[in-house]
Protein backbone atom coordinates (compact mmCIF):
# COMPACT_ATOMS: atom_id res chain seq x y z
CA MET A 1 75.04 99.27 107.21
CA GLY A 2 72.15 100.27 105.32
CA GLY A 3 71.35 104.20 106.35
CA SER A 4 74.84 104.70 108.17
CA ASP A 5 77.45 106.95 106.21
CA LEU A 6 80.43 104.61 105.87
CA ARG A 7 82.48 106.63 103.18
CA PRO A 8 86.08 105.81 102.83
CA ASP A 9 88.47 108.38 104.48
CA PRO A 10 90.22 110.44 101.77
CA GLY A 11 93.42 110.30 103.48
CA ALA A 12 93.49 106.53 103.88
CA ALA A 13 96.38 104.48 102.22
CA GLY A 14 95.45 102.64 98.98
CA ALA A 15 95.83 99.13 98.41
CA ARG A 16 98.97 97.44 97.04
CA ALA A 17 99.23 97.07 93.41
CA VAL A 18 99.35 93.49 91.83
CA SER A 19 102.69 93.03 90.15
CA ALA A 20 101.76 92.72 86.14
CA ASP A 21 103.55 90.97 83.26
CA ALA A 22 105.42 93.82 81.46
CA GLY A 23 103.32 95.54 78.77
CA SER A 24 99.94 93.28 79.45
CA GLY A 25 98.24 95.11 82.13
CA HIS A 26 97.41 91.69 83.86
CA PRO A 27 98.69 89.75 86.75
CA PRO A 28 101.29 86.90 85.74
CA GLY A 29 99.58 84.11 84.47
CA HIS A 30 96.57 85.91 83.36
CA PRO A 31 95.92 85.88 79.53
CA ALA A 32 96.51 89.49 78.07
CA GLY A 33 93.01 91.03 76.02
CA PRO A 34 89.64 90.37 76.33
CA ALA A 35 88.62 87.63 79.05
CA PRO A 36 88.25 83.93 76.97
CA ALA A 37 84.77 82.76 76.58
CA GLY A 38 83.51 81.18 79.94
CA ARG A 39 86.23 83.55 82.17
CA PRO A 40 84.82 86.54 83.97
CA PRO A 41 86.34 89.90 83.11
CA LEU A 42 89.35 90.85 85.05
CA LEU A 43 89.24 93.84 87.33
CA GLU A 44 92.03 95.47 88.96
CA SER A 45 91.40 96.09 92.92
CA ASP A 46 92.94 99.69 92.42
CA ALA A 47 90.05 100.46 89.97
CA LEU A 48 87.48 99.33 92.63
CA LEU A 49 89.33 100.79 95.74
CA GLN A 50 90.52 104.17 93.71
CA GLY A 51 93.34 105.06 96.11
CA HIS A 52 91.07 104.39 99.40
CA ARG A 53 91.69 101.54 101.71
CA THR A 54 88.18 100.84 102.10
CA VAL A 55 84.79 101.60 99.78
CA GLU A 56 81.41 100.64 99.90
CA ILE A 57 79.36 98.64 96.89
CA HIS A 58 75.81 98.74 96.26
CA HIS A 59 74.18 95.63 95.15
CA GLN A 60 70.77 95.02 94.76
CA GLY A 61 69.64 97.47 97.63
CA VAL A 62 72.30 95.98 100.13
CA TYR A 63 75.39 97.69 100.98
CA TYR A 64 78.71 95.83 101.05
CA ARG A 65 82.23 97.17 102.52
CA LEU A 66 85.29 96.06 100.52
CA GLN A 67 88.56 96.65 102.33
CA ALA A 68 92.08 96.14 101.72
CA THR A 69 94.36 95.03 104.68
CA ARG A 70 97.79 95.76 105.50
CA GLN A 71 99.02 92.58 104.25
CA GLY A 72 97.34 93.29 100.97
CA LYS A 73 94.41 91.12 101.06
CA LEU A 74 90.73 92.13 100.45
CA ILE A 75 87.73 91.55 102.67
CA LEU A 76 84.16 92.05 101.29
CA THR A 77 81.47 92.28 104.01
CA LYS A 78 78.20 92.92 104.39
């Protein structure tokens, strides 16, 4: 993937939203507020995808592709 231009299609449909507990902004079963000690921070997929179906993630010199499927699942590929 390195040098190829794989930018998301601006017209692509976004990922489905995760239903959240009323007012908490977190999915059901996830505690509201900052992550408890030993637990990673919560990021919403919508914040990563920003309305696109596919985005690229650059991590330690390697490009990865994060893609939302029509079924609402996420796929991360190298």
